[in-house]
Amino acid sequence: MRVVLNIGILIAALITTDTPPAWIYQAWRKKRFELVTSERQLDEFRRVSRYSKIRRFLKPAEAGNLVNGLRYQATVLETLPTVELSRDPEDNSILAMAEASQAQYLVTGDTKDLLALSTISGTRIVTARQFVEAMGI
């Protein structure tokens, strides 16, 4: 099963414990599903992880380890199709990842834009808690 995780889920997985994002991250590390990312998302993660409000909780080494783990253990898409479905243009790249990979799930906390879509090209857009429940994690 292929899954796309929003940046917020990845950040939350690193700075929290015993939460749905952390459980999802651990399930991926145990190879319970195939994680899909892209060069664009890796660049965005590096940028976001440097924000001062995030760096208070996330050490640069932890962020670097996640990027390295994603690069070598996830499926990294080099190119993405053009998708213009979200009201927030920044969200279209994650929708493109879901479409290009034919992911079964896109997991996000973005209630305003992404979750409002509910699906894209057969990909269910769900919260971390909904994904945990669906997977029995």
Protein backbone atom coordinates (compact mmCIF):
# COMPACT_ATOMS: atom_id res chain seq x y z
CA MET A 1 0.00 0.00 0.00
CA ARG A 2 1.35 3.43 -0.98
CA VAL A 3 0.89 6.40 1.36
CA VAL A 4 1.73 10.10 1.12
CA LEU A 5 2.26 12.04 4.36
CA ASN A 6 1.91 15.79 4.60
CA ILE A 7 4.92 17.70 6.01
CA GLY A 8 2.95 18.49 9.17
CA ILE A 9 2.52 14.78 9.88
CA LEU A 10 6.25 14.17 9.43
CA ILE A 11 7.18 17.08 11.72
CA ALA A 12 4.68 15.95 14.36
CA ALA A 13 6.05 12.41 14.18
CA LEU A 14 9.49 13.68 15.14
CA ILE A 15 8.49 16.04 17.94
CA THR A 16 5.79 13.95 19.63
CA THR A 17 5.53 10.49 21.07
CA ASP A 18 2.51 8.25 21.54
CA THR A 19 0.45 10.19 18.98
CA PRO A 20 -1.04 9.12 15.64
CA PRO A 21 1.75 10.80 13.59
CA ALA A 22 4.41 9.03 15.69
CA TRP A 23 2.60 5.69 15.34
CA ILE A 24 2.36 6.18 11.56
CA TYR A 25 6.06 6.97 11.31
CA GLN A 26 6.94 3.86 13.34
CA ALA A 27 4.63 1.71 11.19
CA TRP A 28 6.45 2.94 8.07
CA ARG A 29 9.82 2.18 9.67
CA LYS A 30 8.50 -1.35 10.27
CA LYS A 31 7.56 -1.54 6.55
CA ARG A 32 3.81 -1.70 7.14
CA PHE A 33 3.32 0.48 4.05
CA GLU A 34 5.28 2.14 1.27
CA LEU A 35 5.87 5.83 1.87
CA VAL A 36 5.92 8.13 -1.15
CA THR A 37 7.68 11.48 -1.17
CA SER A 38 9.23 13.78 -3.75
CA GLU A 39 12.30 15.92 -4.17
CA ARG A 40 10.05 18.94 -3.75
CA GLN A 41 8.68 17.64 -0.44
CA LEU A 42 12.18 16.86 0.84
CA ASP A 43 13.23 20.43 0.01
CA GLU A 44 10.12 21.77 1.75
CA PHE A 45 10.79 19.62 4.82
CA ARG A 46 14.35 20.97 5.06
CA ARG A 47 13.02 24.53 4.80
CA VAL A 48 10.20 24.09 7.32
CA SER A 49 12.40 22.24 9.81
CA ARG A 50 14.62 25.34 10.00
CA TYR A 51 11.81 27.64 11.20
CA SER A 52 12.65 28.94 14.67
CA LYS A 53 9.30 27.77 16.09
CA ILE A 54 10.10 24.22 14.89
CA ARG A 55 13.79 24.21 15.83
CA ARG A 56 12.81 24.65 19.48
CA PHE A 57 11.44 21.11 19.33
CA LEU A 58 13.35 19.47 16.50
CA LYS A 59 17.11 19.17 16.40
CA PRO A 60 18.76 19.67 13.00
CA ALA A 61 20.27 16.16 13.23
CA GLU A 62 16.80 14.63 13.68
CA ALA A 63 15.52 16.51 10.65
CA GLY A 64 18.55 15.41 8.65
CA ASN A 65 18.07 11.79 9.70
CA LEU A 66 14.46 11.90 8.55
CA VAL A 67 15.40 13.36 5.16
CA ASN A 68 18.10 10.70 4.73
CA GLY A 69 15.67 7.97 5.76
CA LEU A 70 13.08 9.21 3.30
CA ARG A 71 15.63 9.49 0.52
CA TYR A 72 16.81 5.90 0.95
CA GLN A 73 13.76 4.04 2.23
CA ALA A 74 10.79 5.82 0.68
CA THR A 75 9.79 6.04 -2.96
CA VAL A 76 11.07 9.45 -4.11
CA LEU A 77 9.29 10.91 -7.12
CA GLU A 78 11.52 13.04 -9.31
CA THR A 79 8.81 14.70 -11.38
CA LEU A 80 5.20 15.48 -10.60
CA PRO A 81 2.20 16.13 -12.81
CA THR A 82 0.51 19.50 -12.72
CA VAL A 83 -2.43 19.45 -10.31
CA GLU A 84 -4.55 22.48 -9.53
CA LEU A 85 -7.30 21.25 -7.23
CA SER A 86 -6.63 22.94 -3.90
CA ARG A 87 -7.59 26.46 -2.91
CA ASP A 88 -4.07 26.68 -1.47
CA PRO A 89 -1.59 26.41 -4.37
CA GLU A 90 1.09 25.12 -1.95
CA ASP A 91 -1.01 21.97 -1.42
CA ASN A 92 -1.12 21.04 -5.08
CA SER A 93 2.31 19.37 -4.98
CA ILE A 94 1.19 16.86 -2.34
CA LEU A 95 -1.93 16.17 -4.37
CA ALA A 96 0.34 15.63 -7.39
CA MET A 97 2.37 13.12 -5.36
CA ALA A 98 -0.77 11.19 -4.48
CA GLU A 99 -1.93 11.20 -8.09
CA ALA A 100 1.45 10.27 -9.61
CA SER A 101 2.02 7.40 -7.19
CA GLN A 102 -1.58 6.18 -7.20
CA ALA A 103 -1.37 6.22 -3.41
CA GLN A 104 -4.16 4.64 -1.43
CA TYR A 105 -3.94 7.31 1.29
CA LEU A 106 -2.82 10.90 1.69
CA VAL A 107 -2.51 11.66 5.42
CA THR A 108 -2.79 15.28 6.51
CA GLY A 109 -3.94 17.62 9.24
CA ASP A 110 -4.93 20.34 6.76
CA THR A 111 -8.64 20.57 7.54
CA LYS A 112 -9.30 23.69 5.49
CA ASP A 113 -8.12 22.56 2.10
CA LEU A 114 -6.87 19.00 1.71
CA LEU A 115 -9.31 17.14 3.94
CA ALA A 116 -12.16 19.07 2.36
CA LEU A 117 -11.36 17.33 -0.95
CA SER A 118 -11.75 13.84 0.64
CA THR A 119 -10.31 12.03 -2.43
CA ILE A 120 -8.14 12.60 -5.49
CA SER A 121 -7.88 10.04 -8.29
CA GLY A 122 -8.81 7.20 -5.94
CA THR A 123 -6.56 8.38 -3.07
CA ARG A 124 -8.41 8.80 0.22
CA ILE A 125 -7.42 11.99 2.05
CA VAL A 126 -7.57 11.32 5.79
CA THR A 127 -6.38 12.56 9.16
CA ALA A 128 -3.61 10.77 11.03
CA ARG A 129 -6.16 9.31 13.44
CA GLN A 130 -8.34 8.02 10.59
CA PHE A 131 -5.31 6.39 8.97
CA VAL A 132 -4.27 4.76 12.25
CA GLU A 133 -7.78 3.35 12.65
CA ALA A 134 -7.93 2.11 9.05
CA MET A 135 -4.54 0.41 9.37
CA GLY A 136 -5.12 -0.95 12.87
CA ILE A 137 -1.93 0.70 14.10
